Protein backbone atom coordinates (compact mmCIF):
# COMPACT_ATOMS: atom_id res chain seq x y z
CA UNK A 1 -30.94 13.77 6.20
CA UNK A 2 -33.03 11.05 6.14
CA UNK A 3 -31.95 7.60 7.49
CA UNK A 4 -32.92 4.80 6.21
CA UNK A 5 -33.55 1.54 8.29
CA UNK A 6 -34.02 -0.51 5.35
CA UNK A 7 -31.09 -2.98 4.79
CA UNK A 8 -28.70 -2.49 1.84
CA UNK A 9 -30.17 -5.89 -0.08
CA UNK A 10 -33.64 -4.29 -0.05
CA UNK A 11 -32.80 -0.94 -1.22
CA UNK A 12 -31.14 -2.76 -3.94
CA UNK A 13 -34.23 -5.01 -4.75
CA UNK A 14 -36.60 -2.10 -4.50
CA UNK A 15 -34.47 -0.33 -7.19
CA UNK A 16 -34.35 -3.48 -9.38
CA UNK A 17 -38.00 -3.78 -8.86
CA UNK A 18 -38.55 -0.18 -10.08
CA UNK A 19 -36.51 -1.14 -12.77
CA UNK A 20 -38.93 -3.92 -13.86
CA UNK A 21 -42.29 -1.78 -13.37
CA UNK A 22 -41.05 1.17 -15.73
CA UNK A 23 -39.90 -0.93 -18.28
CA UNK A 24 -36.16 -0.29 -18.09
CA UNK A 25 -35.74 -4.44 -17.33
CA UNK A 26 -38.19 -6.50 -19.38
CA UNK A 27 -39.47 -9.70 -19.73
CA UNK A 28 -36.47 -11.97 -20.93
CA UNK A 29 -33.71 -9.36 -20.16
CA UNK A 30 -30.67 -10.57 -19.08
CA UNK A 31 -29.22 -8.89 -15.59
CA UNK A 32 -25.89 -7.88 -15.53
CA UNK A 33 -23.70 -10.32 -13.43
CA UNK A 34 -23.23 -9.99 -9.76
CA UNK A 35 -19.91 -8.64 -9.92
CA UNK A 36 -21.19 -5.68 -12.27
CA UNK A 37 -24.06 -4.70 -10.00
CA UNK A 38 -21.85 -4.81 -6.87
CA UNK A 39 -19.63 -2.22 -8.77
CA UNK A 40 -22.62 -0.13 -10.18
CA UNK A 41 -24.21 0.34 -6.83
CA UNK A 42 -20.85 0.08 -4.58
CA UNK A 43 -21.87 -2.76 -2.54
CA UNK A 44 -20.85 -6.17 -1.66
CA UNK A 45 -21.42 -9.37 -4.10
CA UNK A 46 -23.54 -10.51 -1.12
CA UNK A 47 -25.77 -8.04 -1.23
CA UNK A 48 -26.35 -8.59 -4.68
CA UNK A 49 -26.90 -11.94 -4.59
CA UNK A 50 -29.26 -11.66 -1.33
CA UNK A 51 -31.27 -8.90 -3.50
CA UNK A 52 -31.73 -11.44 -6.36
CA UNK A 53 -32.74 -14.22 -4.13
CA UNK A 54 -35.43 -11.77 -2.49
CA UNK A 55 -36.58 -11.01 -6.22
CA UNK A 56 -36.69 -14.90 -7.04
CA UNK A 57 -38.49 -15.37 -4.21
CA UNK A 58 -41.46 -13.20 -5.02
CA UNK A 59 -41.36 -14.24 -8.66
CA UNK A 60 -39.78 -11.77 -10.64
CA UNK A 61 -36.62 -12.99 -11.77
CA UNK A 62 -35.25 -16.54 -12.68
CA UNK A 63 -31.75 -17.53 -11.83
CA UNK A 64 -30.18 -20.21 -14.21
CA UNK A 65 -26.84 -21.34 -12.88
CA UNK A 66 -24.32 -20.83 -15.58
CA UNK A 67 -26.61 -19.16 -17.70
CA UNK A 68 -27.46 -15.73 -15.92
CA UNK A 69 -30.22 -14.09 -14.22
CA UNK A 70 -33.44 -13.41 -16.46
CA UNK A 71 -36.44 -10.91 -15.70
CA UNK A 72 -39.43 -13.44 -15.61
CA UNK A 73 -42.39 -10.97 -15.30
C-alpha cells in the first residue's frame, strides 16, 4: 500500500485539475457547492475550500461569491 505525503486539499485539487484537463469540467462550468464536493470526496469543507483556493491562485477557476465557482481556463 502506498502512503501519500500529499495533503488532502492537494489531492482534491489534483483531481479537479485532472477533470479540467480531460474536459470533464469545461470553461464556464459551475462546480458543485463546497458541501456537495465535501460529501462526494468524504472530506471536510475546509479541505475543499483550500483546494478551490489553490485552483483560484493558479488561475483555473473563478470564485464569485453568491454565484458559485466556475472553470476559468
